[in-house]
Amino acid sequence: MQVGQWFTEIVNRMSKEVVITGMGLISSLGLSLEENWKNIIAGKSGVKKITLFDASSLATRIAAEVPPEFEELSRHYIKKRAGSQMTRVTRMCMTAAKLAVADSGIDFEMEDRLRCSVIMGVVNTGNSSSEKDTTAQNTVFKTMTNSMPAWISLEYELMGPNYAVNTACASSAYAIAFGFEMIKNGQADIVIAGGADSIINFEEIQGFNALYALSTANDKPEEASKPFSKSRDGFVIGEGAGVLVLESKDHAIGRKAQIHAEIAGYALTSEGYNIMAPMKDGEGMAQTIDLAIRNAGISKEEVGYINAHGTSTELNDRYETMAIKRVFGDRAYQIPISSSKSMLGHTIGAAGAIEAIITAMSLKNGLLPPTINYHEPDPDLDLDYIPNFSRIADFRVALSNSFGFGGHNATLVLKKH
C-alpha cells in the first residue's frame, strides 16, 4: 500500500460517524423500549415498597424494582440451562441486548463477526443475598463480572473483543464511549454497549443508609426521588438494563437500518478528589461537560437539552447545577434539564446507558421528559428542570451526564439524525 493510500485510509477510519441503530430497555417502568418511553413521558414513578426481600428493619424500605413479569419475558429470550447460570441482573442485561439487536434488524450471519464487539458497564452481577437459586455449580458463573458481555457475545457468536467496565455509576456511559471509539477508529463495525445493575439487597441498602445517601421517605414511595427540590433527602435505588447497538453510519446506511440518533462525542475524566463526594462547586463535572462539547466539535449554543445525573442528593444536584452554570454562563437558564432518576431511581451501573437511551428517544421524538416530584424549588438551584410534565421541543443536540463514586465522570453528546 502506498503512503498516500495508507494515510487516506487512516483519515477515513478516524472520520467515521457513529450512530445508534438499536435500543433495549428494561426498568421499573416497563419491559420494552416503547412501554418505558410512554411511562417516562407521562411522568410516572416506578418507586414502590421493596418486595425482593424483607426490608422492614432498614431505614430505607423503598426502591424502583423491575416488574415481576420480567421472569416470564426472560424465559422467552434465554434458554433454560443458560438462564440457570445467570443472575437475575444478568438475565436483564441479556434480555435487553436481545431486544436491542431485534430493534436494530441486524443479521449477524451477514456480518464479519471479528468486527462485532460487546462492552458492558458492570458494577456487580447481582449475586447478593436477594439472588435466588445460587448453587455450588453456578456460583462462579453468577459472580463473574465479565459474564454479561460474555453471554451476549456467545449468543451471537461474536468474535471481536467483549469486556466489562466498572466505573461505578458512570460504568455504562464509559461502555458507550469505548464502543464509540472502536467504531470511530475503524476497529469495529458494530458494538453492543450498555449495562445492567441491581443493588436492591439488604447489605447494600444497609451500607448506603450508613452513608446517609438514600431517601427514607418510605410513606410515599412514588414521591421519594425528587432531584433539584429543596426537600430532597437522598437517592432512591433502582434496577434495570439498557443496551444500545452502535454502528458506523456508513455501515448502517449500507444495510438500510433505522437510525435513532448519532453519538457525536464524549468526555471521560477522573476528579482525583474524594472516594464519595464530587469536587467542590462542581469543578470536575464542569470540566467533563466542557471537554465533551469540545471533543464533539459542537458549540455550546447548539445544546438544547441536558439529561442530568440528577441523583436527588444534596451535593450532586447542587454541584451539577453549578457545573452547568460554569460551562454555559447565562445561557444555562435557557437549557431544559431533567433527571430520569426522579422516575426510575438510580440504576447505578445501568444508569448511563438507560439515560443515553432516554436522551436518544427525546431527540428522535422532539419530547423532553420531566423531573417529577418537583414541588418545592431550592432557591439555590434555579435552572429549568422541566418540572413534573414533559414538554415538546425542537432541538438537535443533547448531553447525558453520569458521575460516579471514586470521581468517575462521563458526558455523552448525542445529535438528532
Foldseek 3Di string as FASTA:
>chain_A
DDPVVVVVVQVVLLAFFKFFFFKFWFWLQDRGPVSNLVCLQLLFFQKAFDDLDDCPVPLAGIFRETDPCVVVQLCVVDPPVVVLLEWPQLSLLSSRLVRRCVSFVDDCVPPDLQQEEEEEEFQFRPPDPSTPNDDPVRVVSHGPRQNNRVVNCVVSVRNHYYGYAYPKQCGQVVQVQVQRVCRSSPNHFKYKTFYWFFPPDDPVSRVVVVVQAAFSPNVDRLLQQFFQFPPQRHFHEITGIMITMMGGPVVSVVVPTDTLWTFQFKFKDFDPPAQAAEDPLLPLVLVRVLVRCVGSVHDPVQAAEEAEQRGSHDRRRLSNLSSLCVNNPPCQQVHEYEYSCSRRIRHISRVSRVSVSSVSNCLRPQKAGARESRDHHDPSRDHHHRYHHMDGHHHFKYKYWTARRRRITMIIIIGRD
